[in-house]
PDB file of all heavy atoms in Angstrom:
ATOM      1  N   GLY A   1      55.131  54.559  -7.307  1.00  0.00           N
ATOM      2  CA  GLY A   1      54.230  55.285  -6.424  1.00  0.00           C
ATOM      3  C   GLY A   1      53.379  54.354  -5.585  1.00  0.00           C
ATOM      4  O   GLY A   1      53.402  53.127  -5.757  1.00  0.00           O
ATOM      5  N   THR A   2      52.602  54.939  -4.695  1.00  0.00           N
ATOM      6  CA  THR A   2      51.704  54.200  -3.812  1.00  0.00           C
ATOM      7  C   THR A   2      50.268  54.467  -4.232  1.00  0.00           C
ATOM      8  O   THR A   2      49.875  55.623  -4.440  1.00  0.00           O
ATOM      9  CB  THR A   2      51.907  54.642  -2.352  1.00  0.00           C
ATOM     10  OG1 THR A   2      53.281  54.453  -1.983  1.00  0.00           O
ATOM     11  CG2 THR A   2      51.017  53.827  -1.418  1.00  0.00           C
ATOM     12  N   VAL A   3      49.475  53.405  -4.386  1.00  0.00           N
ATOM     13  CA  VAL A   3      48.097  53.537  -4.835  1.00  0.00           C
ATOM     14  C   VAL A   3      47.268  54.171  -3.727  1.00  0.00           C
ATOM     15  O   VAL A   3      47.189  53.646  -2.613  1.00  0.00           O
ATOM     16  CB  VAL A   3      47.502  52.166  -5.226  1.00  0.00           C
ATOM     17  CG1 VAL A   3      46.046  52.309  -5.655  1.00  0.00           C
ATOM     18  CG2 VAL A   3      48.329  51.535  -6.342  1.00  0.00           C
ATOM     19  N   ARG A   4      46.636  55.318  -4.024  1.00  0.00           N
ATOM     20  CA  ARG A   4      45.811  56.019  -3.049  1.00  0.00           C
ATOM     21  C   ARG A   4      44.325  55.970  -3.407  1.00  0.00           C
ATOM     22  O   ARG A   4      43.472  56.112  -2.535  1.00  0.00           O
ATOM     23  CB  ARG A   4      46.251  57.489  -2.938  1.00  0.00           C
ATOM     24  CG  ARG A   4      47.545  57.671  -2.197  1.00  0.00           C
ATOM     25  CD  ARG A   4      47.360  57.393  -0.707  1.00  0.00           C
ATOM     26  NE  ARG A   4      48.602  57.504   0.037  1.00  0.00           N
ATOM     27  CZ  ARG A   4      49.288  56.472   0.510  1.00  0.00           C
ATOM     28  NH1 ARG A   4      48.840  55.239   0.296  1.00  0.00           N
ATOM     29  NH2 ARG A   4      50.397  56.652   1.183  1.00  0.00           N
ATOM     30  N   GLN A   5      43.993  55.739  -4.683  1.00  0.00           N
ATOM     31  CA  GLN A   5      42.583  55.703  -5.088  1.00  0.00           C
ATOM     32  C   GLN A   5      42.416  54.769  -6.284  1.00  0.00           C
ATOM     33  O   GLN A   5      43.198  54.825  -7.232  1.00  0.00           O
ATOM     34  CB  GLN A   5      42.083  57.109  -5.459  1.00  0.00           C
ATOM     35  CG  GLN A   5      40.605  57.151  -5.857  1.00  0.00           C
ATOM     36  CD  GLN A   5      40.166  58.537  -6.289  1.00  0.00           C
ATOM     37  OE1 GLN A   5      40.990  59.458  -6.346  1.00  0.00           O
ATOM     38  NE2 GLN A   5      38.884  58.695  -6.591  1.00  0.00           N
ATOM     39  N   ILE A   6      41.389  53.906  -6.227  1.00  0.00           N
ATOM     40  CA  ILE A   6      40.990  53.057  -7.346  1.00  0.00           C
ATOM     41  C   ILE A   6      39.558  53.445  -7.692  1.00  0.00           C
ATOM     42  O   ILE A   6      38.645  53.238  -6.899  1.00  0.00           O
ATOM     43  CB  ILE A   6      41.092  51.563  -6.997  1.00  0.00           C
ATOM     44  CG1 ILE A   6      42.544  51.187  -6.667  1.00  0.00           C
ATOM     45  CG2 ILE A   6      40.582  50.702  -8.162  1.00  0.00           C
ATOM     46  CD1 ILE A   6      42.724  49.751  -6.224  1.00  0.00           C
ATOM     47  N   ALA A   7      39.361  53.990  -8.883  1.00  0.00           N
ATOM     48  CA  ALA A   7      38.069  54.595  -9.224  1.00  0.00           C
ATOM     49  C   ALA A   7      37.287  53.785 -10.261  1.00  0.00           C
ATOM     50  O   ALA A   7      36.453  54.335 -10.960  1.00  0.00           O
ATOM     51  CB  ALA A   7      38.291  56.017  -9.737  1.00  0.00           C
ATOM     52  N   PHE A   8      37.545  52.471 -10.361  1.00  0.00           N
ATOM     53  CA  PHE A   8      36.783  51.658 -11.317  1.00  0.00           C
ATOM     54  C   PHE A   8      36.475  50.299 -10.698  1.00  0.00           C
ATOM     55  O   PHE A   8      37.153  49.859  -9.769  1.00  0.00           O
ATOM     56  CB  PHE A   8      37.561  51.476 -12.621  1.00  0.00           C
ATOM     57  CG  PHE A   8      38.770  50.571 -12.492  1.00  0.00           C
ATOM     58  CD1 PHE A   8      38.683  49.209 -12.770  1.00  0.00           C
ATOM     59  CD2 PHE A   8      39.997  51.090 -12.103  1.00  0.00           C
ATOM     60  CE1 PHE A   8      39.791  48.388 -12.651  1.00  0.00           C
ATOM     61  CE2 PHE A   8      41.107  50.267 -11.980  1.00  0.00           C
ATOM     62  CZ  PHE A   8      41.002  48.914 -12.246  1.00  0.00           C
ATOM     63  N   GLU A   9      35.446  49.653 -11.236  1.00  0.00           N
ATOM     64  CA  GLU A   9      35.079  48.307 -10.823  1.00  0.00           C
ATOM     65  C   GLU A   9      35.556  47.318 -11.878  1.00  0.00           C
ATOM     66  O   GLU A   9      35.418  47.561 -13.080  1.00  0.00           O
ATOM     67  CB  GLU A   9      33.563  48.175 -10.647  1.00  0.00           C
ATOM     68  CG  GLU A   9      32.994  49.006  -9.509  1.00  0.00           C
ATOM     69  CD  GLU A   9      33.470  48.517  -8.149  1.00  0.00           C
ATOM     70  OE1 GLU A   9      33.793  47.305  -8.042  1.00  0.00           O
ATOM     71  OE2 GLU A   9      33.530  49.332  -7.213  1.00  0.00           O
ATOM     72  N   SER A  10      36.102  46.210 -11.456  1.00  0.00           N
ATOM     73  CA  SER A  10      36.592  45.202 -12.393  1.00  0.00           C
ATOM     74  C   SER A  10      35.467  44.734 -13.309  1.00  0.00           C
ATOM     75  O   SER A  10      34.358  44.445 -12.864  1.00  0.00           O
ATOM     76  CB  SER A  10      37.170  44.011 -11.628  1.00  0.00           C
ATOM     77  OG  SER A  10      38.268  44.413 -10.841  1.00  0.00           O
ATOM     78  N   GLY A  11      35.759  44.679 -14.619  1.00  0.00           N
ATOM     79  CA  GLY A  11      34.783  44.202 -15.592  1.00  0.00           C
ATOM     80  C   GLY A  11      33.784  45.237 -16.050  1.00  0.00           C
ATOM     81  O   GLY A  11      32.883  44.914 -16.829  1.00  0.00           O
ATOM     82  N   SER A  12      33.916  46.473 -15.612  1.00  0.00           N
ATOM     83  CA  SER A  12      32.942  47.510 -15.982  1.00  0.00           C
ATOM     84  C   SER A  12      33.347  48.188 -17.283  1.00  0.00           C
ATOM     85  O   SER A  12      34.481  48.066 -17.756  1.00  0.00           O
ATOM     86  CB  SER A  12      32.838  48.545 -14.868  1.00  0.00           C
ATOM     87  OG  SER A  12      34.087  49.202 -14.672  1.00  0.00           O
ATOM     88  N   ASN A  13      32.398  48.917 -17.853  1.00  0.00           N
ATOM     89  CA  ASN A  13      32.666  49.730 -19.036  1.00  0.00           C
ATOM     90  C   ASN A  13      33.120  51.116 -18.592  1.00  0.00           C
ATOM     91  O   ASN A  13      32.514  51.709 -17.682  1.00  0.00           O
ATOM     92  CB  ASN A  13      31.420  49.848 -19.908  1.00  0.00           C
ATOM     93  CG  ASN A  13      31.031  48.522 -20.544  1.00  0.00           C
ATOM     94  OD1 ASN A  13      31.894  47.779 -21.007  1.00  0.00           O
ATOM     95  ND2 ASN A  13      29.752  48.223 -20.568  1.00  0.00           N
ATOM     96  N   VAL A  14      34.154  51.624 -19.204  1.00  0.00           N
ATOM     97  CA  VAL A  14      34.696  52.930 -18.839  1.00  0.00           C
ATOM     98  C   VAL A  14      34.714  53.817 -20.077  1.00  0.00           C
ATOM     99  O   VAL A  14      34.726  53.335 -21.220  1.00  0.00           O
ATOM    100  CB  VAL A  14      36.116  52.810 -18.251  1.00  0.00           C
ATOM    101  CG1 VAL A  14      36.083  51.984 -16.965  1.00  0.00           C
ATOM    102  CG2 VAL A  14      37.081  52.186 -19.250  1.00  0.00           C
ATOM    103  N   ARG A  15      34.702  55.118 -19.845  1.00  0.00           N
ATOM    104  CA  ARG A  15      34.723  56.106 -20.918  1.00  0.00           C
ATOM    105  C   ARG A  15      36.108  56.731 -21.035  1.00  0.00           C
ATOM    106  O   ARG A  15      36.898  56.729 -20.076  1.00  0.00           O
ATOM    107  CB  ARG A  15      33.694  57.204 -20.642  1.00  0.00           C
ATOM    108  CG  ARG A  15      32.283  56.716 -20.370  1.00  0.00           C
ATOM    109  CD  ARG A  15      31.644  56.087 -21.581  1.00  0.00           C
ATOM    110  NE  ARG A  15      31.455  57.063 -22.647  1.00  0.00           N
ATOM    111  CZ  ARG A  15      30.938  56.761 -23.844  1.00  0.00           C
ATOM    112  NH1 ARG A  15      30.579  55.506 -24.106  1.00  0.00           N
ATOM    113  NH2 ARG A  15      30.774  57.699 -24.755  1.00  0.00           N
ATOM    114  N   ARG A  16      36.379  57.242 -22.207  1.00  0.00           N
ATOM    115  CA  ARG A  16      37.668  57.882 -22.438  1.00  0.00           C
ATOM    116  C   ARG A  16      37.864  59.054 -21.487  1.00  0.00           C
ATOM    117  O   ARG A  16      36.965  59.882 -21.306  1.00  0.00           O
ATOM    118  CB  ARG A  16      37.744  58.376 -23.884  1.00  0.00           C
ATOM    119  CG  ARG A  16      39.053  59.072 -24.223  1.00  0.00           C
ATOM    120  CD  ARG A  16      39.063  59.522 -25.660  1.00  0.00           C
ATOM    121  NE  ARG A  16      40.313  60.201 -25.986  1.00  0.00           N
ATOM    122  CZ  ARG A  16      40.607  60.719 -27.169  1.00  0.00           C
ATOM    123  NH1 ARG A  16      39.697  60.632 -28.152  1.00  0.00           N
ATOM    124  NH2 ARG A  16      41.768  61.316 -27.385  1.00  0.00           N
ATOM    125  N   GLY A  17      39.040  59.125 -20.867  1.00  0.00           N
ATOM    126  CA  GLY A  17      39.358  60.185 -19.918  1.00  0.00           C
ATOM    127  C   GLY A  17      38.902  59.916 -18.505  1.00  0.00           C
ATOM    128  O   GLY A  17      39.206  60.699 -17.596  1.00  0.00           O
ATOM    129  N   GLN A  18      38.185  58.819 -18.258  1.00  0.00           N
ATOM    130  CA  GLN A  18      37.692  58.515 -16.916  1.00  0.00           C
ATOM    131  C   GLN A  18      38.852  58.162 -15.996  1.00  0.00           C
ATOM    132  O   GLN A  18      39.780  57.443 -16.373  1.00  0.00           O
ATOM    133  CB  GLN A  18      36.702  57.360 -16.981  1.00  0.00           C
ATOM    134  CG  GLN A  18      36.134  56.947 -15.624  1.00  0.00           C
ATOM    135  CD  GLN A  18      35.120  55.815 -15.763  1.00  0.00           C
ATOM    136  OE1 GLN A  18      34.461  55.682 -16.794  1.00  0.00           O
ATOM    137  NE2 GLN A  18      35.005  55.012 -14.734  1.00  0.00           N
ATOM    138  N   LEU A  19      38.823  58.685 -14.763  1.00  0.00           N
ATOM    139  CA  LEU A  19      39.853  58.383 -13.776  1.00  0.00           C
ATOM    140  C   LEU A  19      39.776  56.912 -13.376  1.00  0.00           C
ATOM    141  O   LEU A  19      38.698  56.392 -13.057  1.00  0.00           O
ATOM    142  CB  LEU A  19      39.682  59.265 -12.541  1.00  0.00           C
ATOM    143  CG  LEU A  19      40.615  58.971 -11.360  1.00  0.00           C
ATOM    144  CD1 LEU A  19      42.058  59.248 -11.731  1.00  0.00           C
ATOM    145  CD2 LEU A  19      40.196  59.773 -10.129  1.00  0.00           C
ATOM    146  N   LEU A  20      40.919  56.243 -13.395  1.00  0.00           N
ATOM    147  CA  LEU A  20      40.973  54.828 -13.023  1.00  0.00           C
ATOM    148  C   LEU A  20      41.737  54.622 -11.714  1.00  0.00           C
ATOM    149  O   LEU A  20      41.219  54.033 -10.773  1.00  0.00           O
ATOM    150  CB  LEU A  20      41.633  54.014 -14.149  1.00  0.00           C
ATOM    151  CG  LEU A  20      40.938  54.078 -15.520  1.00  0.00           C
ATOM    152  CD1 LEU A  20      41.723  53.290 -16.547  1.00  0.00           C
ATOM    153  CD2 LEU A  20      39.507  53.590 -15.429  1.00  0.00           C
ATOM    154  N   VAL A  21      42.973  55.108 -11.682  1.00  0.00           N
ATOM    155  CA  VAL A  21      43.826  54.919 -10.496  1.00  0.00           C
ATOM    156  C   VAL A  21      44.596  56.212 -10.248  1.00  0.00           C
ATOM    157  O   VAL A  21      45.087  56.846 -11.187  1.00  0.00           O
ATOM    158  CB  VAL A  21      44.810  53.734 -10.691  1.00  0.00           C
ATOM    159  CG1 VAL A  21      45.762  53.629  -9.509  1.00  0.00           C
ATOM    160  CG2 VAL A  21      44.052  52.426 -10.872  1.00  0.00           C
ATOM    161  N   ARG A  22      44.693  56.572  -8.970  1.00  0.00           N
ATOM    162  CA  ARG A  22      45.486  57.752  -8.592  1.00  0.00           C
ATOM    163  C   ARG A  22      46.540  57.308  -7.589  1.00  0.00           C
ATOM    164  O   ARG A  22      46.243  56.640  -6.594  1.00  0.00           O
ATOM    165  CB  ARG A  22      44.594  58.822  -7.986  1.00  0.00           C
ATOM    166  CG  ARG A  22      45.306  60.171  -7.824  1.00  0.00           C
ATOM    167  CD  ARG A  22      44.462  61.128  -6.991  1.00  0.00           C
ATOM    168  NE  ARG A  22      43.145  61.337  -7.567  1.00  0.00           N
ATOM    169  CZ  ARG A  22      42.873  62.229  -8.510  1.00  0.00           C
ATOM    170  NH1 ARG A  22      43.848  62.977  -9.003  1.00  0.00           N
ATOM    171  NH2 ARG A  22      41.647  62.376  -8.959  1.00  0.00           N
ATOM    172  N   PHE A  23      47.808  57.731  -7.854  1.00  0.00           N
ATOM    173  CA  PHE A  23      48.898  57.442  -6.931  1.00  0.00           C
ATOM    174  C   PHE A  23      49.078  58.609  -5.953  1.00  0.00           C
ATOM    175  O   PHE A  23      48.524  59.689  -6.146  1.00  0.00           O
ATOM    176  CB  PHE A  23      50.214  57.212  -7.697  1.00  0.00           C
ATOM    177  CG  PHE A  23      50.212  55.986  -8.566  1.00  0.00           C
ATOM    178  CD1 PHE A  23      51.132  55.853  -9.594  1.00  0.00           C
ATOM    179  CD2 PHE A  23      49.301  54.960  -8.354  1.00  0.00           C
ATOM    180  CE1 PHE A  23      51.135  54.721 -10.399  1.00  0.00           C
ATOM    181  CE2 PHE A  23      49.301  53.830  -9.144  1.00  0.00           C
ATOM    182  CZ  PHE A  23      50.217  53.713 -10.176  1.00  0.00           C
ATOM    183  N   ASP A  24      49.859  58.345  -4.940  1.00  0.00           N
ATOM    184  CA  ASP A  24      50.154  59.384  -3.951  1.00  0.00           C
ATOM    185  C   ASP A  24      51.034  60.459  -4.596  1.00  0.00           C
ATOM    186  O   ASP A  24      52.134  60.185  -5.067  1.00  0.00           O
ATOM    187  CB  ASP A  24      50.882  58.762  -2.758  1.00  0.00           C
ATOM    188  CG  ASP A  24      51.169  59.787  -1.681  1.00  0.00           C
ATOM    189  OD1 ASP A  24      50.544  60.868  -1.715  1.00  0.00           O
ATOM    190  OD2 ASP A  24      52.013  59.516  -0.800  1.00  0.00           O
ATOM    191  N   THR A  25      50.535  61.702  -4.618  1.00  0.00           N
ATOM    192  CA  THR A  25      51.273  62.817  -5.223  1.00  0.00           C
ATOM    193  C   THR A  25      51.452  63.963  -4.233  1.00  0.00           C
ATOM    194  O   THR A  25      51.624  65.113  -4.637  1.00  0.00           O
ATOM    195  CB  THR A  25      50.520  63.323  -6.480  1.00  0.00           C
ATOM    196  OG1 THR A  25      49.183  63.713  -6.105  1.00  0.00           O
ATOM    197  CG2 THR A  25      50.464  62.261  -7.555  1.00  0.00           C
ATOM    198  N   SER A  26      51.386  63.651  -2.951  1.00  0.00           N
ATOM    199  CA  SER A  26      51.472  64.714  -1.946  1.00  0.00           C
ATOM    200  C   SER A  26      52.810  65.460  -2.024  1.00  0.00           C
ATOM    201  O   SER A  26      52.858  66.695  -1.943  1.00  0.00           O
ATOM    202  CB  SER A  26      51.272  64.135  -0.542  1.00  0.00           C
ATOM    203  OG  SER A  26      52.215  63.096  -0.291  1.00  0.00           O
ATOM    204  N   ALA A  27      53.900  64.724  -2.232  1.00  0.00           N
ATOM    205  CA  ALA A  27      55.216  65.375  -2.303  1.00  0.00           C
ATOM    206  C   ALA A  27      55.299  66.249  -3.556  1.00  0.00           C
ATOM    207  O   ALA A  27      55.783  67.394  -3.497  1.00  0.00           O
ATOM    208  CB  ALA A  27      56.318  64.317  -2.315  1.00  0.00           C
ATOM    209  N   GLU A  28      54.828  65.740  -4.681  1.00  0.00           N
ATOM    210  CA  GLU A  28      54.887  66.506  -5.923  1.00  0.00           C
ATOM    211  C   GLU A  28      53.995  67.745  -5.847  1.00  0.00           C
ATOM    212  O   GLU A  28      54.336  68.815  -6.385  1.00  0.00           O
ATOM    213  CB  GLU A  28      54.469  65.637  -7.109  1.00  0.00           C
ATOM    214  CG  GLU A  28      55.473  64.576  -7.523  1.00  0.00           C
ATOM    215  CD  GLU A  28      55.404  63.339  -6.639  1.00  0.00           C
ATOM    216  OE1 GLU A  28      54.536  63.294  -5.739  1.00  0.00           O
ATOM    217  OE2 GLU A  28      56.237  62.430  -6.835  1.00  0.00           O
ATOM    218  N   GLU A  29      52.826  67.638  -5.192  1.00  0.00           N
ATOM    219  CA  GLU A  29      51.937  68.785  -5.075  1.00  0.00           C
ATOM    220  C   GLU A  29      52.571  69.878  -4.214  1.00  0.00           C
ATOM    221  O   GLU A  29      52.407  71.084  -4.501  1.00  0.00           O
ATOM    222  CB  GLU A  29      50.598  68.348  -4.491  1.00  0.00           C
ATOM    223  CG  GLU A  29      49.768  67.509  -5.475  1.00  0.00           C
ATOM    224  CD  GLU A  29      48.509  66.955  -4.845  1.00  0.00           C
ATOM    225  OE1 GLU A  29      48.327  67.137  -3.620  1.00  0.00           O
ATOM    226  OE2 GLU A  29      47.710  66.323  -5.567  1.00  0.00           O
TER     227      GLU A  29
END
């Protein structure tokens, strides 16, 4: 896939279930 969104900062603390990366899903949608 193609990376469309990066929702985290390198080196940060993240929580379970937090969105990290979203690929292009326009065709699948």
